[in-house]
Amino acid sequence: MSGFSYTVKEDDKGLTVSELLRRNFHFSSRLLTKIKKQDLAKLNGSPVRGWMIPVAGDQLTVTLPAETSDFPPEDIPINVIFEDDSLLVINKQPGFVVHPTKGKPCHTIANGLMKKILDEGACYKIRFANRLDMNTSGLLIVAKNGFVQDQIIHQMKAGMTEKKYLAVVDGIIQRDQGTVRAPIGRPDPNEVERWILPADKGGFDSVTHYKVLQRYSAGYTLVEVSLETGRTHQIRVHMAYIGHPVTGDHLYNNGDPFLYRKLHGDFRRVEGDGEKSTSPFIERQALHAYHLSFIHPITGQKLILKAPLPDDMETLINTICSICP
């Protein structure tokens, strides 16, 4: 088990232990329930009873419950970018779902992490603090306890983290930078595709910023993308919406880099061809989560992490350059 200590302050006056932990450390209701049931909170060395109200100067000690995952271990390479006792950040390779689902019960990143945990004799539950689409590569955060997961998710919701992506998109973007503001929704719960939809049709506010890094005369653009919101498929939908779908995207790219397909008007989606890439140069969408910064929940240190461009995107760019040097 791991945990932490906290000295109660004057501005905590009147708060119960649970209220203090929720307000100051953003503990989830689920984690608080586990701590209470297992008597894992102590005030001045004595077990907390009935969520007592502490006073300034009291020493609150919280031990985080020990938990494990039971995914079947699989030999899937895990590329570690950062790791300590509290969290793990990996560079996810494309082609793998992050977590087992009904349609994909095995051969996921979680299965590969389970093998890593067992091989190292470690003991923690796999908790993803962010997600990436199956065919998106890049930085993925794994919290080793519920407290760290809650803290990182809170930072993301509060806009305290910075996430940047690299994407190759079809067509030449004329503006050096821009912002896409268009609501995204899921009109059919049985389908994975997201559409541009107004609020009264189920759309949620979505904001994407992009900056052009390189234009290629073959008809492609390399962009850096950052998000204000975190909707599913947001980058992919928004880039298709402005007429520059992510290269190779089977859902939102019709395969013609010079044909501008917009998703507004009749609220149509851009249709692809099953799960097959629409580019002859890459087998998935050319999208990579390459930059991530956040505050370490335990040490308070600001972490700035980067993941290099994957081989298939390097090959894509080299191929594009060779077509029209």
C-alpha atoms as a PDB file:
ATOM      1  CA  MET A   1       0.000   0.000   0.000  1.00  0.00           C
ATOM      2  CA  SER A   2       0.962   3.632  -0.458  1.00  0.00           C
ATOM      3  CA  GLY A   3      -0.410   6.790   1.089  1.00  0.00           C
ATOM      4  CA  PHE A   4       0.279  10.321   2.287  1.00  0.00           C
ATOM      5  CA  SER A   5       0.017  12.651   5.286  1.00  0.00           C
ATOM      6  CA  TYR A   6      -1.611  16.068   5.531  1.00  0.00           C
ATOM      7  CA  THR A   7      -1.553  18.721   8.254  1.00  0.00           C
ATOM      8  CA  VAL A   8      -5.024  20.193   8.729  1.00  0.00           C
ATOM      9  CA  LYS A   9      -5.161  23.961   8.087  1.00  0.00           C
ATOM     10  CA  GLU A  10      -7.313  26.779   9.449  1.00  0.00           C
ATOM     11  CA  ASP A  11      -9.311  27.022   6.224  1.00  0.00           C
ATOM     12  CA  ASP A  12     -10.316  23.358   6.670  1.00  0.00           C
ATOM     13  CA  LYS A  13     -12.352  24.384   9.721  1.00  0.00           C
ATOM     14  CA  GLY A  14     -15.721  22.648   9.973  1.00  0.00           C
ATOM     15  CA  LEU A  15     -14.987  20.051   7.304  1.00  0.00           C
ATOM     16  CA  THR A  16     -15.293  16.353   8.015  1.00  0.00           C
ATOM     17  CA  VAL A  17     -12.386  14.160   6.967  1.00  0.00           C
ATOM     18  CA  SER A  18     -14.296  13.014   3.878  1.00  0.00           C
ATOM     19  CA  GLU A  19     -15.174  16.597   2.899  1.00  0.00           C
ATOM     20  CA  LEU A  20     -11.555  17.639   3.398  1.00  0.00           C
ATOM     21  CA  LEU A  21     -10.280  14.826   1.198  1.00  0.00           C
ATOM     22  CA  ARG A  22     -12.859  15.576  -1.467  1.00  0.00           C
ATOM     23  CA  ARG A  23     -12.229  19.331  -1.512  1.00  0.00           C
ATOM     24  CA  ASN A  24      -8.441  19.385  -1.194  1.00  0.00           C
ATOM     25  CA  PHE A  25      -7.501  16.176  -2.994  1.00  0.00           C
ATOM     26  CA  HIS A  26     -10.505  15.514  -5.270  1.00  0.00           C
ATOM     27  CA  PHE A  27     -11.077  11.995  -3.941  1.00  0.00           C
ATOM     28  CA  SER A  28     -13.855  10.169  -5.748  1.00  0.00           C
ATOM     29  CA  SER A  29     -16.844   8.810  -3.816  1.00  0.00           C
ATOM     30  CA  ARG A  30     -15.737   5.281  -4.649  1.00  0.00           C
ATOM     31  CA  LEU A  31     -12.257   5.787  -3.197  1.00  0.00           C
ATOM     32  CA  LEU A  32     -13.633   7.477  -0.067  1.00  0.00           C
ATOM     33  CA  THR A  33     -15.979   4.547   0.500  1.00  0.00           C
ATOM     34  CA  LYS A  34     -13.101   2.069   0.290  1.00  0.00           C
ATOM     35  CA  ILE A  35     -10.974   4.103   2.699  1.00  0.00           C
ATOM     36  CA  LYS A  36     -13.833   4.311   5.197  1.00  0.00           C
ATOM     37  CA  LYS A  37     -14.741   0.619   5.011  1.00  0.00           C
ATOM     38  CA  GLN A  38     -11.129  -0.484   5.452  1.00  0.00           C
ATOM     39  CA  ASP A  39     -10.291   2.046   8.209  1.00  0.00           C
ATOM     40  CA  LEU A  40      -7.441   3.485   6.144  1.00  0.00           C
ATOM     41  CA  ALA A  41      -7.693   7.062   7.446  1.00  0.00           C
ATOM     42  CA  LYS A  42      -6.068   8.041  10.755  1.00  0.00           C
ATOM     43  CA  LEU A  43      -6.165  11.289  12.674  1.00  0.00           C
ATOM     44  CA  ASN A  44      -3.147  11.864  14.923  1.00  0.00           C
ATOM     45  CA  GLY A  45      -2.431   8.145  14.729  1.00  0.00           C
ATOM     46  CA  SER A  46      -5.924   6.967  15.686  1.00  0.00           C
ATOM     47  CA  PRO A  47      -8.513   5.521  13.283  1.00  0.00           C
ATOM     48  CA  VAL A  48     -11.044   8.025  11.983  1.00  0.00           C
ATOM     49  CA  ARG A  49     -14.534   7.208  13.225  1.00  0.00           C
ATOM     50  CA  GLY A  50     -17.642   8.454  11.472  1.00  0.00           C
ATOM     51  CA  TRP A  51     -15.670  10.958   9.448  1.00  0.00           C
ATOM     52  CA  MET A  52     -14.661  13.116  12.408  1.00  0.00           C
ATOM     53  CA  ILE A  53     -14.164  16.874  12.111  1.00  0.00           C
ATOM     54  CA  PRO A  54     -10.452  17.646  12.621  1.00  0.00           C
ATOM     55  CA  VAL A  55      -8.981  20.912  13.845  1.00  0.00           C
ATOM     56  CA  ALA A  56      -6.041  22.938  12.580  1.00  0.00           C
ATOM     57  CA  GLY A  57      -2.743  21.224  13.311  1.00  0.00           C
ATOM     58  CA  ASP A  58      -4.158  17.702  13.332  1.00  0.00           C
ATOM     59  CA  GLN A  59      -2.188  15.174  11.315  1.00  0.00           C
ATOM     60  CA  LEU A  60      -4.284  13.216   8.837  1.00  0.00           C
ATOM     61  CA  THR A  61      -2.733  10.058   7.410  1.00  0.00           C
ATOM     62  CA  VAL A  62      -4.378   8.180   4.565  1.00  0.00           C
ATOM     63  CA  THR A  63      -3.300   4.750   3.381  1.00  0.00           C
ATOM     64  CA  LEU A  64      -4.489   3.924  -0.120  1.00  0.00           C
ATOM     65  CA  PRO A  65      -6.088   0.495  -0.536  1.00  0.00           C
ATOM     66  CA  ALA A  66      -4.030  -2.202  -2.212  1.00  0.00           C
ATOM     67  CA  GLU A  67      -5.718  -3.382  -5.403  1.00  0.00           C
ATOM     68  CA  THR A  68      -4.780  -5.554  -8.343  1.00  0.00           C
ATOM     69  CA  SER A  69      -6.013  -6.198 -11.875  1.00  0.00           C
ATOM     70  CA  ASP A  70      -6.764  -9.653 -13.218  1.00  0.00           C
ATOM     71  CA  PHE A  71      -6.378  -9.242 -16.978  1.00  0.00           C
ATOM     72  CA  PRO A  72      -4.790 -12.243 -18.705  1.00  0.00           C
ATOM     73  CA  PRO A  73      -1.112 -11.345 -19.265  1.00  0.00           C
ATOM     74  CA  GLU A  74       0.033 -11.129 -22.883  1.00  0.00           C
ATOM     75  CA  ASP A  75       3.435 -10.502 -24.425  1.00  0.00           C
ATOM     76  CA  ILE A  76       2.713  -7.046 -25.837  1.00  0.00           C
ATOM     77  CA  PRO A  77       5.636  -4.579 -25.915  1.00  0.00           C
ATOM     78  CA  ILE A  78       5.312  -1.721 -23.424  1.00  0.00           C
ATOM     79  CA  ASN A  79       7.462   1.330 -24.202  1.00  0.00           C
ATOM     80  CA  VAL A  80       7.984   3.148 -20.886  1.00  0.00           C
ATOM     81  CA  ILE A  81       8.535   6.923 -21.027  1.00  0.00           C
ATOM     82  CA  PHE A  82       8.286   7.583 -17.263  1.00  0.00           C
ATOM     83  CA  GLU A  83       7.670   5.427 -14.189  1.00  0.00           C
ATOM     84  CA  ASP A  84       7.791   5.737 -10.413  1.00  0.00           C
ATOM     85  CA  ASP A  85       5.853   4.256  -7.484  1.00  0.00           C
ATOM     86  CA  SER A  86       2.729   6.268  -8.281  1.00  0.00           C
ATOM     87  CA  LEU A  87       2.317   6.356 -12.025  1.00  0.00           C
ATOM     88  CA  LEU A  88       3.489   5.065 -15.368  1.00  0.00           C
ATOM     89  CA  VAL A  89       3.499   6.844 -18.730  1.00  0.00           C
ATOM     90  CA  ILE A  90       3.957   4.751 -21.851  1.00  0.00           C
ATOM     91  CA  ASN A  91       4.271   5.402 -25.575  1.00  0.00           C
ATOM     92  CA  LYS A  92       1.354   3.386 -26.934  1.00  0.00           C
ATOM     93  CA  GLN A  93       1.893   1.735 -30.290  1.00  0.00           C
ATOM     94  CA  PRO A  94      -0.934   1.871 -32.860  1.00  0.00           C
ATOM     95  CA  GLY A  95      -3.183  -1.102 -33.469  1.00  0.00           C
ATOM     96  CA  PHE A  96      -4.027  -1.841 -29.826  1.00  0.00           C
ATOM     97  CA  VAL A  97      -7.143  -1.024 -27.841  1.00  0.00           C
ATOM     98  CA  VAL A  98      -6.256   0.465 -24.451  1.00  0.00           C
ATOM     99  CA  HIS A  99      -8.656  -1.558 -22.290  1.00  0.00           C
ATOM    100  CA  PRO A 100     -10.558  -4.818 -22.905  1.00  0.00           C
ATOM    101  CA  THR A 101     -14.078  -4.358 -24.223  1.00  0.00           C
ATOM    102  CA  LYS A 102     -16.905  -6.689 -25.146  1.00  0.00           C
ATOM    103  CA  GLY A 103     -15.809  -6.608 -28.772  1.00  0.00           C
ATOM    104  CA  LYS A 104     -12.080  -6.710 -27.953  1.00  0.00           C
ATOM    105  CA  PRO A 105     -11.657  -8.820 -24.788  1.00  0.00           C
ATOM    106  CA  CYS A 106      -7.943  -9.496 -25.192  1.00  0.00           C
ATOM    107  CA  HIS A 107      -4.733  -8.372 -26.923  1.00  0.00           C
ATOM    108  CA  THR A 108      -5.000  -4.896 -25.407  1.00  0.00           C
ATOM    109  CA  ILE A 109      -2.532  -2.544 -23.746  1.00  0.00           C
ATOM    110  CA  ALA A 110      -3.962  -3.628 -20.371  1.00  0.00           C
ATOM    111  CA  ASN A 111      -2.993  -7.233 -21.134  1.00  0.00           C
ATOM    112  CA  GLY A 112       0.555  -6.151 -21.939  1.00  0.00           C
ATOM    113  CA  LEU A 113       0.732  -4.106 -18.733  1.00  0.00           C
ATOM    114  CA  MET A 114      -0.457  -7.114 -16.736  1.00  0.00           C
ATOM    115  CA  LYS A 115       2.516  -9.123 -17.994  1.00  0.00           C
ATOM    116  CA  LYS A 116       4.872  -6.273 -17.095  1.00  0.00           C
ATOM    117  CA  ILE A 117       3.422  -6.132 -13.564  1.00  0.00           C
ATOM    118  CA  LEU A 118       3.752  -9.882 -13.033  1.00  0.00           C
ATOM    119  CA  ASP A 119       7.265 -10.028 -14.516  1.00  0.00           C
ATOM    120  CA  GLU A 120       8.416  -7.280 -12.147  1.00  0.00           C
ATOM    121  CA  GLY A 121       6.659  -8.691  -9.090  1.00  0.00           C
ATOM    122  CA  ALA A 122       4.718  -5.445  -8.710  1.00  0.00           C
ATOM    123  CA  CYS A 123       1.226  -5.062  -7.263  1.00  0.00           C
ATOM    124  CA  TYR A 124      -1.173  -2.361  -8.420  1.00  0.00           C
ATOM    125  CA  LYS A 125      -4.434  -1.993 -10.265  1.00  0.00           C
ATOM    126  CA  ILE A 126      -4.204  -0.709 -13.836  1.00  0.00           C
ATOM    127  CA  ARG A 127      -6.003   2.639 -13.979  1.00  0.00           C
ATOM    128  CA  PHE A 128      -5.851   4.640 -17.206  1.00  0.00           C
ATOM    129  CA  ALA A 129      -6.030   8.398 -16.658  1.00  0.00           C
ATOM    130  CA  ASN A 130      -6.466   9.119 -20.376  1.00  0.00           C
ATOM    131  CA  ARG A 131      -7.421   7.132 -23.458  1.00  0.00           C
ATOM    132  CA  LEU A 132      -6.264   6.908 -27.053  1.00  0.00           C
ATOM    133  CA  ASP A 133      -8.102   5.417 -30.013  1.00  0.00           C
ATOM    134  CA  MET A 134      -6.925   1.995 -31.154  1.00  0.00           C
ATOM    135  CA  ASN A 135      -5.045   3.363 -34.163  1.00  0.00           C
ATOM    136  CA  THR A 136      -3.715   6.496 -32.460  1.00  0.00           C
ATOM    137  CA  SER A 137      -0.218   6.245 -31.009  1.00  0.00           C
ATOM    138  CA  GLY A 138       1.423   8.206 -28.226  1.00  0.00           C
ATOM    139  CA  LEU A 139       1.482   9.058 -24.539  1.00  0.00           C
ATOM    140  CA  LEU A 140      -0.809   7.145 -22.210  1.00  0.00           C
ATOM    141  CA  ILE A 141      -0.972   7.650 -18.421  1.00  0.00           C
ATOM    142  CA  VAL A 142      -1.420   4.700 -16.068  1.00  0.00           C
ATOM    143  CA  ALA A 143      -2.141   5.611 -12.429  1.00  0.00           C
ATOM    144  CA  LYS A 144      -1.060   3.030  -9.858  1.00  0.00           C
ATOM    145  CA  ASN A 145      -3.727   3.966  -7.309  1.00  0.00           C
ATOM    146  CA  GLY A 146      -7.108   5.660  -7.184  1.00  0.00           C
ATOM    147  CA  PHE A 147      -5.812   8.855  -5.603  1.00  0.00           C
ATOM    148  CA  VAL A 148      -3.336   9.519  -8.413  1.00  0.00           C
ATOM    149  CA  GLN A 149      -5.976   8.728 -11.028  1.00  0.00           C
ATOM    150  CA  ASP A 150      -8.476  11.115  -9.414  1.00  0.00           C
ATOM    151  CA  GLN A 151      -5.854  13.868  -9.221  1.00  0.00           C
ATOM    152  CA  ILE A 152      -4.806  13.595 -12.871  1.00  0.00           C
ATOM    153  CA  ILE A 153      -8.389  13.452 -14.118  1.00  0.00           C
ATOM    154  CA  HIS A 154      -9.154  16.559 -12.041  1.00  0.00           C
ATOM    155  CA  GLN A 155      -6.188  18.357 -13.630  1.00  0.00           C
ATOM    156  CA  MET A 156      -7.455  17.445 -17.086  1.00  0.00           C
ATOM    157  CA  LYS A 157     -10.986  18.676 -16.363  1.00  0.00           C
ATOM    158  CA  ALA A 158      -9.604  21.891 -14.867  1.00  0.00           C
ATOM    159  CA  GLY A 159      -7.420  22.584 -17.913  1.00  0.00           C
ATOM    160  CA  MET A 160      -4.209  22.164 -15.927  1.00  0.00           C
ATOM    161  CA  THR A 161      -2.659  19.638 -18.300  1.00  0.00           C
ATOM    162  CA  GLU A 162      -1.214  20.201 -21.757  1.00  0.00           C
ATOM    163  CA  LYS A 163      -1.661  17.604 -24.490  1.00  0.00           C
ATOM    164  CA  LYS A 164      -0.355  18.041 -28.014  1.00  0.00           C
ATOM    165  CA  TYR A 165      -0.692  15.802 -31.041  1.00  0.00           C
ATOM    166  CA  LEU A 166       1.050  15.536 -34.386  1.00  0.00           C
ATOM    167  CA  ALA A 167      -1.085  14.725 -37.403  1.00  0.00           C
ATOM    168  CA  VAL A 168      -0.598  14.441 -41.137  1.00  0.00           C
ATOM    169  CA  VAL A 169      -3.749  15.641 -42.883  1.00  0.00           C
ATOM    170  CA  ASP A 170      -4.918  15.584 -46.478  1.00  0.00           C
ATOM    171  CA  GLY A 171      -4.675  18.795 -48.475  1.00  0.00           C
ATOM    172  CA  ILE A 172      -2.701  22.006 -48.041  1.00  0.00           C
ATOM    173  CA  ILE A 173      -3.917  24.097 -45.098  1.00  0.00           C
ATOM    174  CA  GLN A 174      -3.501  27.731 -46.104  1.00  0.00           C
ATOM    175  CA  ARG A 175      -3.724  29.342 -42.671  1.00  0.00           C
ATOM    176  CA  ASP A 176      -0.685  28.998 -40.404  1.00  0.00           C
ATOM    177  CA  GLN A 177      -2.895  28.320 -37.418  1.00  0.00           C
ATOM    178  CA  GLY A 178      -6.544  28.184 -36.531  1.00  0.00           C
ATOM    179  CA  THR A 179      -9.261  27.096 -34.148  1.00  0.00           C
ATOM    180  CA  VAL A 180     -12.181  24.793 -34.880  1.00  0.00           C
ATOM    181  CA  ARG A 181     -15.304  25.333 -32.779  1.00  0.00           C
ATOM    182  CA  ALA A 182     -17.990  22.839 -33.719  1.00  0.00           C
ATOM    183  CA  PRO A 183     -20.167  20.659 -31.452  1.00  0.00           C
ATOM    184  CA  ILE A 184     -19.637  16.909 -31.654  1.00  0.00           C
ATOM    185  CA  GLY A 185     -22.241  14.270 -30.902  1.00  0.00           C
ATOM    186  CA  ARG A 186     -23.078  10.605 -31.341  1.00  0.00           C
ATOM    187  CA  PRO A 187     -26.487  10.360 -32.990  1.00  0.00           C
ATOM    188  CA  ASP A 188     -26.604   6.562 -32.958  1.00  0.00           C
ATOM    189  CA  PRO A 189     -25.466   4.840 -29.724  1.00  0.00           C
ATOM    190  CA  ASN A 190     -24.939   1.636 -31.687  1.00  0.00           C
ATOM    191  CA  GLU A 191     -22.396   3.254 -34.008  1.00  0.00           C
ATOM    192  CA  VAL A 192     -18.864   4.403 -33.184  1.00  0.00           C
ATOM    193  CA  GLU A 193     -18.863   7.427 -35.488  1.00  0.00           C
ATOM    194  CA  ARG A 194     -19.230  10.934 -34.129  1.00  0.00           C
ATOM    195  CA  TRP A 195     -20.773  13.734 -36.156  1.00  0.00           C
ATOM    196  CA  ILE A 196     -20.891  17.499 -36.110  1.00  0.00           C
ATOM    197  CA  LEU A 197     -24.277  18.079 -34.467  1.00  0.00           C
ATOM    198  CA  PRO A 198     -25.999  21.121 -32.962  1.00  0.00           C
ATOM    199  CA  ALA A 199     -26.714  21.089 -29.239  1.00  0.00           C
ATOM    200  CA  ASP A 200     -30.407  20.324 -29.748  1.00  0.00           C
ATOM    201  CA  LYS A 201     -29.423  17.175 -31.633  1.00  0.00           C
ATOM    202  CA  GLY A 202     -26.997  15.945 -28.971  1.00  0.00           C
ATOM    203  CA  GLY A 203     -23.821  17.848 -29.832  1.00  0.00           C
ATOM    204  CA  PHE A 204     -21.360  18.943 -27.124  1.00  0.00           C
ATOM    205  CA  ASP A 205     -19.150  22.026 -27.311  1.00  0.00           C
ATOM    206  CA  SER A 206     -15.790  21.029 -28.805  1.00  0.00           C
ATOM    207  CA  VAL A 207     -12.745  23.226 -29.444  1.00  0.00           C
ATOM    208  CA  THR A 208      -9.595  22.216 -31.336  1.00  0.00           C
ATOM    209  CA  HIS A 209      -6.522  24.367 -32.043  1.00  0.00           C
ATOM    210  CA  TYR A 210      -4.079  23.571 -34.841  1.00  0.00           C
ATOM    211  CA  LYS A 211      -0.761  24.970 -36.047  1.00  0.00           C
ATOM    212  CA  VAL A 212       0.854  24.178 -39.390  1.00  0.00           C
ATOM    213  CA  LEU A 213       4.369  22.754 -39.035  1.00  0.00           C
ATOM    214  CA  GLN A 214       5.036  21.770 -42.654  1.00  0.00           C
ATOM    215  CA  ARG A 215       3.256  21.855 -45.998  1.00  0.00           C
ATOM    216  CA  TYR A 216       4.048  19.203 -48.609  1.00  0.00           C
ATOM    217  CA  SER A 217       3.585  19.874 -52.315  1.00  0.00           C
ATOM    218  CA  ALA A 218       2.198  16.357 -52.762  1.00  0.00           C
ATOM    219  CA  GLY A 219      -0.977  17.617 -51.101  1.00  0.00           C
ATOM    220  CA  TYR A 220      -0.514  17.046 -47.378  1.00  0.00           C
ATOM    221  CA  THR A 221       0.120  19.109 -44.232  1.00  0.00           C
ATOM    222  CA  LEU A 222       1.821  18.268 -40.935  1.00  0.00           C
ATOM    223  CA  VAL A 223       0.046  19.958 -38.021  1.00  0.00           C
ATOM    224  CA  GLU A 224       0.396  20.226 -34.268  1.00  0.00           C
ATOM    225  CA  VAL A 225      -2.982  19.954 -32.558  1.00  0.00           C
ATOM    226  CA  SER A 226      -4.110  20.791 -29.030  1.00  0.00           C
ATOM    227  CA  LEU A 227      -7.518  20.420 -27.412  1.00  0.00           C
ATOM    228  CA  GLU A 228      -9.634  22.563 -25.115  1.00  0.00           C
ATOM    229  CA  THR A 229     -12.172  19.769 -24.832  1.00  0.00           C
ATOM    230  CA  GLY A 230     -11.701  16.027 -25.001  1.00  0.00           C
ATOM    231  CA  ARG A 231     -14.500  14.526 -27.071  1.00  0.00           C
ATOM    232  CA  THR A 232     -14.111  11.079 -28.579  1.00  0.00           C
ATOM    233  CA  HIS A 233     -12.576  11.320 -32.087  1.00  0.00           C
ATOM    234  CA  GLN A 234     -12.444  15.115 -31.692  1.00  0.00           C
ATOM    235  CA  ILE A 235      -9.314  15.772 -33.757  1.00  0.00           C
ATOM    236  CA  ARG A 236     -10.407  13.363 -36.457  1.00  0.00           C
ATOM    237  CA  VAL A 237     -13.901  14.840 -36.735  1.00  0.00           C
ATOM    238  CA  HIS A 238     -12.778  18.474 -36.613  1.00  0.00           C
ATOM    239  CA  MET A 239     -10.028  18.095 -39.197  1.00  0.00           C
ATOM    240  CA  ALA A 240     -12.477  16.375 -41.542  1.00  0.00           C
ATOM    241  CA  TYR A 241     -14.983  19.147 -40.841  1.00  0.00           C
ATOM    242  CA  ILE A 242     -12.606  21.841 -42.145  1.00  0.00           C
ATOM    243  CA  GLY A 243     -11.836  19.759 -45.231  1.00  0.00           C
ATOM    244  CA  HIS A 244      -8.511  18.299 -44.090  1.00  0.00           C
ATOM    245  CA  PRO A 245      -9.160  14.805 -42.713  1.00  0.00           C
ATOM    246  CA  VAL A 246      -6.357  12.921 -41.008  1.00  0.00           C
ATOM    247  CA  THR A 247      -4.471  10.890 -43.599  1.00  0.00           C
ATOM    248  CA  GLY A 248      -5.400   7.202 -43.481  1.00  0.00           C
ATOM    249  CA  ASP A 249      -8.479   7.703 -41.280  1.00  0.00           C
ATOM    250  CA  HIS A 250     -10.962   4.976 -42.214  1.00  0.00           C
ATOM    251  CA  LEU A 251     -13.935   6.647 -40.508  1.00  0.00           C
ATOM    252  CA  TYR A 252     -13.683  10.304 -41.449  1.00  0.00           C
ATOM    253  CA  ASN A 253     -11.624  10.353 -44.656  1.00  0.00           C
ATOM    254  CA  ASN A 254     -13.109   9.444 -48.023  1.00  0.00           C
ATOM    255  CA  GLY A 255      -9.680   8.761 -49.491  1.00  0.00           C
ATOM    256  CA  ASP A 256      -9.383  11.813 -51.750  1.00  0.00           C
ATOM    257  CA  PRO A 257      -6.893  14.340 -50.307  1.00  0.00           C
ATOM    258  CA  PHE A 258      -8.095  17.056 -52.666  1.00  0.00           C
ATOM    259  CA  LEU A 259     -11.837  16.761 -52.112  1.00  0.00           C
ATOM    260  CA  TYR A 260     -13.226  18.922 -49.304  1.00  0.00           C
ATOM    261  CA  ARG A 261     -15.987  17.094 -47.474  1.00  0.00           C
ATOM    262  CA  LYS A 262     -17.770  19.065 -44.783  1.00  0.00           C
ATOM    263  CA  LEU A 263     -19.860  17.621 -42.013  1.00  0.00           C
ATOM    264  CA  HIS A 264     -22.224  20.558 -41.481  1.00  0.00           C
ATOM    265  CA  GLY A 265     -25.335  21.435 -43.438  1.00  0.00           C
ATOM    266  CA  ASP A 266     -27.223  18.151 -43.509  1.00  0.00           C
ATOM    267  CA  PHE A 267     -25.041  16.831 -40.667  1.00  0.00           C
ATOM    268  CA  ARG A 268     -23.637  13.984 -42.745  1.00  0.00           C
ATOM    269  CA  ARG A 269     -20.506  12.168 -41.671  1.00  0.00           C
ATOM    270  CA  VAL A 270     -17.540  11.541 -43.954  1.00  0.00           C
ATOM    271  CA  GLU A 271     -17.750   7.866 -44.819  1.00  0.00           C
ATOM    272  CA  GLY A 272     -14.723   5.599 -45.048  1.00  0.00           C
ATOM    273  CA  ASP A 273     -14.359   1.966 -46.052  1.00  0.00           C
ATOM    274  CA  GLY A 274     -14.815  -0.264 -43.002  1.00  0.00           C
ATOM    275  CA  GLU A 275     -11.609  -0.377 -40.979  1.00  0.00           C
ATOM    276  CA  LYS A 276      -9.269  -0.112 -43.952  1.00  0.00           C
ATOM    277  CA  SER A 277      -6.934   2.871 -44.159  1.00  0.00           C
ATOM    278  CA  THR A 278      -7.767   5.316 -46.930  1.00  0.00           C
ATOM    279  CA  SER A 279      -4.084   6.010 -47.635  1.00  0.00           C
ATOM    280  CA  PRO A 280      -1.710   3.742 -49.591  1.00  0.00           C
ATOM    281  CA  PHE A 281       1.164   5.081 -47.460  1.00  0.00           C
ATOM    282  CA  ILE A 282       0.047   4.264 -43.902  1.00  0.00           C
ATOM    283  CA  GLU A 283      -2.211   1.566 -42.432  1.00  0.00           C
ATOM    284  CA  ARG A 284      -3.968   3.758 -39.840  1.00  0.00           C
ATOM    285  CA  GLN A 285      -4.805   7.391 -39.123  1.00  0.00           C
ATOM    286  CA  ALA A 286      -1.612   9.465 -38.979  1.00  0.00           C
ATOM    287  CA  LEU A 287      -2.232  10.810 -35.475  1.00  0.00           C
ATOM    288  CA  HIS A 288       0.253  10.724 -32.581  1.00  0.00           C
ATOM    289  CA  ALA A 289      -0.037  12.092 -29.010  1.00  0.00           C
ATOM    290  CA  TYR A 290       3.518  13.357 -28.692  1.00  0.00           C
ATOM    291  CA  HIS A 291       3.536  15.909 -25.833  1.00  0.00           C
ATOM    292  CA  LEU A 292       2.074  15.770 -22.343  1.00  0.00           C
ATOM    293  CA  SER A 293       2.606  17.940 -19.277  1.00  0.00           C
ATOM    294  CA  PHE A 294       0.936  17.797 -15.859  1.00  0.00           C
ATOM    295  CA  ILE A 295       1.699  18.140 -12.147  1.00  0.00           C
ATOM    296  CA  HIS A 296       2.806  14.945 -10.428  1.00  0.00           C
ATOM    297  CA  PRO A 297       0.077  14.304  -7.806  1.00  0.00           C
ATOM    298  CA  ILE A 298       2.554  13.119  -5.155  1.00  0.00           C
ATOM    299  CA  THR A 299       5.746  15.132  -5.680  1.00  0.00           C
ATOM    300  CA  GLY A 300       4.187  18.329  -7.035  1.00  0.00           C
ATOM    301  CA  GLN A 301       6.782  18.305  -9.818  1.00  0.00           C
ATOM    302  CA  LYS A 302       5.740  19.465 -13.276  1.00  0.00           C
ATOM    303  CA  LEU A 303       6.314  16.615 -15.706  1.00  0.00           C
ATOM    304  CA  ILE A 304       6.942  17.414 -19.375  1.00  0.00           C
ATOM    305  CA  LEU A 305       7.000  14.224 -21.421  1.00  0.00           C
ATOM    306  CA  LYS A 306       7.437  13.602 -25.142  1.00  0.00           C
ATOM    307  CA  ALA A 307       7.115  10.574 -27.387  1.00  0.00           C
ATOM    308  CA  PRO A 308       9.037  10.474 -30.687  1.00  0.00           C
ATOM    309  CA  LEU A 309       7.199  10.234 -33.988  1.00  0.00           C
ATOM    310  CA  PRO A 310       6.504   6.543 -34.715  1.00  0.00           C
ATOM    311  CA  ASP A 311       8.165   4.760 -37.615  1.00  0.00           C
ATOM    312  CA  ASP A 312       5.029   4.524 -39.765  1.00  0.00           C
ATOM    313  CA  MET A 313       4.456   8.286 -39.631  1.00  0.00           C
ATOM    314  CA  GLU A 314       8.138   8.934 -40.372  1.00  0.00           C
ATOM    315  CA  THR A 315       7.816   6.625 -43.379  1.00  0.00           C
ATOM    316  CA  LEU A 316       4.628   8.400 -44.469  1.00  0.00           C
ATOM    317  CA  ILE A 317       6.331  11.805 -44.392  1.00  0.00           C
ATOM    318  CA  ASN A 318       9.414  10.505 -46.212  1.00  0.00           C
ATOM    319  CA  THR A 319       7.201   8.940 -48.885  1.00  0.00           C
ATOM    320  CA  ILE A 320       5.211  12.151 -49.326  1.00  0.00           C
ATOM    321  CA  CYS A 321       8.437  14.125 -49.692  1.00  0.00           C
ATOM    322  CA  SER A 322       9.796  11.681 -52.263  1.00  0.00           C
ATOM    323  CA  ILE A 323       6.671  11.997 -54.425  1.00  0.00           C
ATOM    324  CA  CYS A 324       7.057  15.746 -54.867  1.00  0.00           C
ATOM    325  CA  PRO A 325      10.487  16.788 -53.608  1.00  0.00           C
END
